[in-house]
């Protein structure tokens, strides 16, 4: 006979690591960049596109580090074309400048 429990079941939240700062967060808090089976690299806003994925925080600092140090290329195991880099830089320009943890660590005046 099945036993009922009074405990509520929590839903599993997938954890992913930012390729730039290496912080582990819930997958939905990060942005996914995917290398499609065709070889093209693009932003995956739905987190459901097929292909090899890499995750970045929603901060400009992480994106700039990932693009300048070629961390995305390493994680996706591909070379980024200049037009793909430019498209990712345009996405980067819309993000906040500081990492959320850095803002919280700053002393208040």
N, C-alpha and C. Protein backbone atom coordinates (compact mmCIF):
# COMPACT_ATOMS: atom_id res chain seq x y z
N UNK A 1 0.84 -1.17 0.00
CA UNK A 1 0.00 0.00 0.00
C UNK A 1 0.89 1.24 0.00
N UNK A 2 0.56 2.19 -0.85
CA UNK A 2 1.35 3.41 -0.97
C UNK A 2 1.12 4.30 0.25
N UNK A 3 2.20 4.86 0.72
CA UNK A 3 2.11 5.72 1.90
C UNK A 3 2.12 7.17 1.45
N UNK A 4 1.20 7.94 1.93
CA UNK A 4 1.14 9.36 1.60
C UNK A 4 2.07 10.13 2.51
N UNK A 5 2.76 11.10 1.94
CA UNK A 5 3.63 11.94 2.76
C UNK A 5 3.09 13.35 2.78
N UNK A 6 3.33 14.00 3.87
CA UNK A 6 2.85 15.38 4.00
C UNK A 6 3.85 16.38 3.41
N UNK A 7 5.03 15.89 3.02
CA UNK A 7 6.04 16.78 2.46
C UNK A 7 5.69 17.13 1.02
N UNK A 8 5.96 18.34 0.66
CA UNK A 8 5.74 18.75 -0.72
C UNK A 8 6.99 18.42 -1.53
N UNK A 9 6.78 18.03 -2.75
CA UNK A 9 7.89 17.70 -3.63
C UNK A 9 8.34 18.94 -4.37
N UNK A 10 9.63 19.20 -4.32
CA UNK A 10 10.18 20.34 -5.05
C UNK A 10 10.60 19.89 -6.43
N UNK A 11 10.34 20.73 -7.39
CA UNK A 11 10.70 20.43 -8.76
C UNK A 11 12.21 20.58 -8.94
N UNK A 12 12.80 19.68 -9.70
CA UNK A 12 14.24 19.73 -9.98
C UNK A 12 14.55 20.96 -10.84
N UNK A 13 15.57 21.72 -10.45
CA UNK A 13 16.00 22.90 -11.19
C UNK A 13 17.39 22.61 -11.76
N UNK A 14 17.52 22.50 -13.09
CA UNK A 14 18.83 22.20 -13.67
C UNK A 14 19.84 23.31 -13.37
N UNK A 15 21.05 22.93 -13.03
CA UNK A 15 22.13 23.86 -12.72
C UNK A 15 23.12 23.86 -13.88
N UNK A 16 23.62 25.03 -14.25
CA UNK A 16 24.62 25.17 -15.31
C UNK A 16 25.70 26.13 -14.83
N UNK A 17 26.86 26.07 -15.48
CA UNK A 17 28.01 26.89 -15.11
C UNK A 17 28.29 27.91 -16.21
N UNK A 18 28.49 29.16 -15.82
CA UNK A 18 28.87 30.21 -16.76
C UNK A 18 30.30 29.91 -17.24
N UNK A 19 30.52 29.92 -18.56
CA UNK A 19 31.85 29.59 -19.08
C UNK A 19 32.87 30.68 -18.78
N UNK A 20 32.44 31.88 -18.43
CA UNK A 20 33.36 32.98 -18.16
C UNK A 20 33.73 33.04 -16.68
N UNK A 21 32.76 33.21 -15.80
CA UNK A 21 33.06 33.40 -14.37
C UNK A 21 33.01 32.10 -13.58
N UNK A 22 32.53 31.02 -14.18
CA UNK A 22 32.48 29.69 -13.58
C UNK A 22 31.51 29.60 -12.39
N UNK A 23 30.57 30.52 -12.28
CA UNK A 23 29.57 30.45 -11.22
C UNK A 23 28.46 29.50 -11.64
N UNK A 24 27.99 28.67 -10.71
CA UNK A 24 26.91 27.73 -10.97
C UNK A 24 25.60 28.40 -10.59
N UNK A 25 24.66 28.36 -11.53
CA UNK A 25 23.34 28.98 -11.32
C UNK A 25 22.27 28.12 -11.95
N UNK A 26 21.03 28.45 -11.69
CA UNK A 26 19.93 27.77 -12.36
C UNK A 26 20.02 28.08 -13.86
N UNK A 27 19.75 27.09 -14.68
CA UNK A 27 19.91 27.24 -16.13
C UNK A 27 19.09 28.41 -16.67
N UNK A 28 17.93 28.67 -16.11
CA UNK A 28 17.07 29.76 -16.60
C UNK A 28 17.62 31.14 -16.26
N UNK A 29 18.55 31.22 -15.31
CA UNK A 29 19.16 32.51 -14.98
C UNK A 29 20.28 32.87 -15.95
N UNK A 30 20.74 31.90 -16.73
CA UNK A 30 21.84 32.11 -17.67
C UNK A 30 21.31 32.18 -19.09
N UNK A 31 22.12 32.72 -19.98
CA UNK A 31 21.78 32.75 -21.40
C UNK A 31 22.53 31.63 -22.10
N UNK A 32 21.85 30.94 -23.00
CA UNK A 32 22.45 29.80 -23.70
C UNK A 32 22.84 30.21 -25.12
N UNK A 33 24.07 29.88 -25.48
CA UNK A 33 24.55 30.06 -26.85
C UNK A 33 24.73 28.66 -27.39
N UNK A 34 24.25 28.42 -28.58
CA UNK A 34 24.24 27.06 -29.12
C UNK A 34 24.95 27.00 -30.47
N UNK A 35 25.71 25.90 -30.67
CA UNK A 35 26.25 25.59 -32.00
C UNK A 35 25.28 24.58 -32.60
N UNK A 36 24.57 25.00 -33.62
CA UNK A 36 23.58 24.16 -34.27
C UNK A 36 24.26 23.04 -35.04
N UNK A 37 23.52 21.96 -35.35
CA UNK A 37 24.11 20.88 -36.15
C UNK A 37 24.66 21.36 -37.50
N UNK A 38 24.15 22.47 -38.00
CA UNK A 38 24.65 23.02 -39.27
C UNK A 38 26.00 23.71 -39.08
N UNK A 39 26.40 23.97 -37.83
CA UNK A 39 27.66 24.65 -37.54
C UNK A 39 27.50 26.11 -37.18
N UNK A 40 26.32 26.67 -37.39
CA UNK A 40 26.06 28.08 -37.06
C UNK A 40 25.97 28.24 -35.54
N UNK A 41 26.38 29.41 -35.05
CA UNK A 41 26.33 29.72 -33.62
C UNK A 41 25.36 30.87 -33.41
N UNK A 42 24.44 30.69 -32.46
CA UNK A 42 23.47 31.75 -32.19
C UNK A 42 22.96 31.67 -30.77
N UNK A 43 22.29 32.73 -30.34
CA UNK A 43 21.69 32.79 -29.01
C UNK A 43 20.44 31.93 -29.00
N UNK A 44 20.30 31.11 -27.96
CA UNK A 44 19.14 30.23 -27.83
C UNK A 44 18.28 30.73 -26.68
N UNK A 45 17.29 31.54 -26.98
CA UNK A 45 16.46 32.14 -25.94
C UNK A 45 15.49 31.14 -25.33
N UNK A 46 15.16 30.06 -26.06
CA UNK A 46 14.21 29.07 -25.55
C UNK A 46 14.89 27.97 -24.75
N UNK A 47 16.21 27.86 -24.83
CA UNK A 47 16.98 26.80 -24.17
C UNK A 47 16.61 25.41 -24.69
N UNK A 48 16.04 25.34 -25.91
CA UNK A 48 15.57 24.06 -26.43
C UNK A 48 16.13 23.71 -27.81
N UNK A 49 16.92 24.58 -28.39
CA UNK A 49 17.44 24.30 -29.72
C UNK A 49 18.42 23.14 -29.66
N UNK A 50 18.46 22.32 -30.71
CA UNK A 50 19.39 21.19 -30.71
C UNK A 50 20.82 21.67 -30.95
N UNK A 51 21.77 20.95 -30.41
CA UNK A 51 23.16 21.30 -30.63
C UNK A 51 23.92 21.46 -29.33
N UNK A 52 25.19 21.75 -29.47
CA UNK A 52 26.08 21.91 -28.31
C UNK A 52 25.88 23.30 -27.72
N UNK A 53 25.64 23.37 -26.41
CA UNK A 53 25.35 24.65 -25.77
C UNK A 53 26.42 25.08 -24.80
N UNK A 54 26.49 26.38 -24.59
CA UNK A 54 27.36 26.99 -23.58
C UNK A 54 26.53 28.07 -22.90
N UNK A 55 26.79 28.28 -21.62
CA UNK A 55 25.99 29.21 -20.83
C UNK A 55 26.83 30.39 -20.35
N UNK A 56 26.20 31.57 -20.35
CA UNK A 56 26.84 32.80 -19.86
C UNK A 56 25.87 33.54 -18.96
N UNK A 57 26.42 34.22 -17.95
CA UNK A 57 25.61 35.07 -17.07
C UNK A 57 25.02 36.22 -17.89
N UNK A 58 24.05 36.86 -17.31
CA UNK A 58 23.41 38.02 -17.96
C UNK A 58 24.16 39.30 -17.59
N UNK A 59 25.48 39.28 -17.71
CA UNK A 59 26.27 40.47 -17.43
C UNK A 59 27.25 40.71 -18.57
N UNK A 60 27.46 41.96 -18.86
CA UNK A 60 28.36 42.34 -19.95
C UNK A 60 29.78 41.86 -19.69
N UNK A 61 30.21 41.90 -18.43
CA UNK A 61 31.58 41.49 -18.08
C UNK A 61 31.83 40.03 -18.47
N UNK A 62 30.89 39.16 -18.20
CA UNK A 62 31.06 37.74 -18.56
C UNK A 62 31.08 37.56 -20.08
N UNK A 63 30.22 38.27 -20.78
CA UNK A 63 30.18 38.14 -22.25
C UNK A 63 31.47 38.65 -22.87
N UNK A 64 31.95 39.80 -22.39
CA UNK A 64 33.19 40.35 -22.94
C UNK A 64 34.37 39.42 -22.68
N UNK A 65 34.43 38.84 -21.49
CA UNK A 65 35.50 37.91 -21.19
C UNK A 65 35.41 36.66 -22.08
N UNK A 66 34.21 36.13 -22.24
CA UNK A 66 34.02 34.92 -23.05
C UNK A 66 34.38 35.16 -24.51
N UNK A 67 34.08 36.34 -25.02
CA UNK A 67 34.40 36.64 -26.43
C UNK A 67 35.88 36.97 -26.61
N UNK A 68 36.46 37.73 -25.70
CA UNK A 68 37.86 38.15 -25.87
C UNK A 68 38.84 37.02 -25.61
N UNK A 69 38.53 36.15 -24.65
CA UNK A 69 39.44 35.05 -24.33
C UNK A 69 39.10 33.76 -25.08
N UNK A 70 38.15 33.84 -26.00
CA UNK A 70 37.74 32.70 -26.83
C UNK A 70 37.19 31.54 -26.00
N UNK A 71 36.59 31.86 -24.86
CA UNK A 71 36.02 30.82 -24.01
C UNK A 71 34.79 30.17 -24.66
N UNK A 72 34.01 30.96 -25.39
CA UNK A 72 32.86 30.40 -26.10
C UNK A 72 33.30 29.43 -27.18
N UNK A 73 34.34 29.80 -27.91
CA UNK A 73 34.83 28.93 -28.97
C UNK A 73 35.30 27.60 -28.39
N UNK A 74 35.97 27.67 -27.25
CA UNK A 74 36.44 26.45 -26.60
C UNK A 74 35.27 25.59 -26.12
N UNK A 75 34.28 26.22 -25.48
CA UNK A 75 33.13 25.48 -24.95
C UNK A 75 32.28 24.87 -26.06
N UNK A 76 32.15 25.60 -27.17
CA UNK A 76 31.33 25.11 -28.29
C UNK A 76 32.13 24.24 -29.26
N UNK A 77 33.43 24.16 -29.05
CA UNK A 77 34.34 23.37 -29.90
C UNK A 77 34.21 23.76 -31.37
N UNK A 78 34.28 25.08 -31.61
CA UNK A 78 34.20 25.59 -32.98
C UNK A 78 34.84 26.97 -33.03
N UNK A 79 35.17 27.41 -34.22
CA UNK A 79 35.65 28.78 -34.44
C UNK A 79 34.44 29.65 -34.76
N UNK A 80 34.38 30.81 -34.14
CA UNK A 80 33.29 31.75 -34.41
C UNK A 80 33.63 32.59 -35.63
N UNK A 81 32.70 32.66 -36.56
CA UNK A 81 32.87 33.53 -37.72
C UNK A 81 32.71 34.98 -37.28
N UNK A 82 33.25 35.90 -38.06
CA UNK A 82 33.21 37.32 -37.68
C UNK A 82 31.77 37.82 -37.56
N UNK A 83 30.87 37.36 -38.43
CA UNK A 83 29.47 37.81 -38.33
C UNK A 83 28.79 37.23 -37.08
N UNK A 84 29.17 36.02 -36.67
CA UNK A 84 28.62 35.44 -35.45
C UNK A 84 29.13 36.20 -34.22
N UNK A 85 30.42 36.55 -34.22
CA UNK A 85 30.97 37.33 -33.11
C UNK A 85 30.28 38.68 -33.01
N UNK A 86 30.04 39.29 -34.16
CA UNK A 86 29.39 40.61 -34.17
C UNK A 86 27.96 40.51 -33.64
N UNK A 87 27.24 39.46 -34.02
CA UNK A 87 25.87 39.27 -33.53
C UNK A 87 25.87 39.05 -32.01
N UNK A 88 26.84 38.30 -31.50
CA UNK A 88 26.93 38.08 -30.06
C UNK A 88 27.33 39.36 -29.33
N UNK A 89 28.19 40.17 -29.94
CA UNK A 89 28.57 41.46 -29.33
C UNK A 89 27.36 42.40 -29.25
N UNK A 90 26.49 42.36 -30.26
CA UNK A 90 25.27 43.18 -30.22
C UNK A 90 24.38 42.74 -29.06
N UNK A 91 24.30 41.44 -28.82
CA UNK A 91 23.54 40.93 -27.66
C UNK A 91 24.18 41.41 -26.37
N UNK A 92 25.50 41.40 -26.34
CA UNK A 92 26.27 41.82 -25.16
C UNK A 92 25.99 43.29 -24.82
N UNK A 93 25.83 44.12 -25.83
CA UNK A 93 25.63 45.55 -25.61
C UNK A 93 24.32 45.86 -24.90
N UNK A 94 23.36 44.94 -24.91
CA UNK A 94 22.07 45.17 -24.27
C UNK A 94 22.06 44.72 -22.81
N UNK A 95 23.15 44.11 -22.34
CA UNK A 95 23.21 43.56 -20.98
C UNK A 95 23.74 44.58 -19.98
N UNK A 96 23.43 44.39 -18.68
CA UNK A 96 23.96 45.29 -17.66
C UNK A 96 25.48 45.17 -17.58
N UNK A 97 26.13 46.26 -17.17
CA UNK A 97 27.59 46.32 -17.18
C UNK A 97 28.28 45.51 -16.11
N UNK A 98 27.73 45.41 -14.92
CA UNK A 98 28.40 44.73 -13.82
C UNK A 98 27.72 43.41 -13.53
N UNK A 99 28.48 42.51 -12.95
CA UNK A 99 27.95 41.22 -12.52
C UNK A 99 27.11 41.47 -11.28
N UNK A 100 26.03 40.75 -11.13
CA UNK A 100 25.12 40.96 -9.99
C UNK A 100 25.83 40.75 -8.66
N UNK A 101 26.72 39.77 -8.57
CA UNK A 101 27.43 39.53 -7.31
C UNK A 101 28.40 40.66 -6.99
N UNK A 102 28.98 41.29 -8.01
CA UNK A 102 29.88 42.41 -7.79
C UNK A 102 29.14 43.63 -7.26
N UNK A 103 27.93 43.84 -7.75
CA UNK A 103 27.13 44.97 -7.29
C UNK A 103 26.76 44.76 -5.82
N UNK A 104 26.40 43.55 -5.43
CA UNK A 104 26.01 43.26 -4.05
C UNK A 104 27.20 43.40 -3.10
N UNK A 105 28.43 43.14 -3.59
CA UNK A 105 29.61 43.17 -2.74
C UNK A 105 30.14 44.58 -2.50
N UNK A 106 29.71 45.55 -3.31
CA UNK A 106 30.21 46.91 -3.17
C UNK A 106 29.65 47.56 -1.92
N UNK A 107 30.49 48.27 -1.16
CA UNK A 107 29.98 48.94 0.05
C UNK A 107 29.07 50.10 -0.33
N UNK A 108 28.07 50.32 0.50
CA UNK A 108 27.16 51.45 0.26
C UNK A 108 27.70 52.69 0.94
N UNK A 109 27.65 53.83 0.28
CA UNK A 109 28.18 55.07 0.86
C UNK A 109 27.33 55.60 1.99
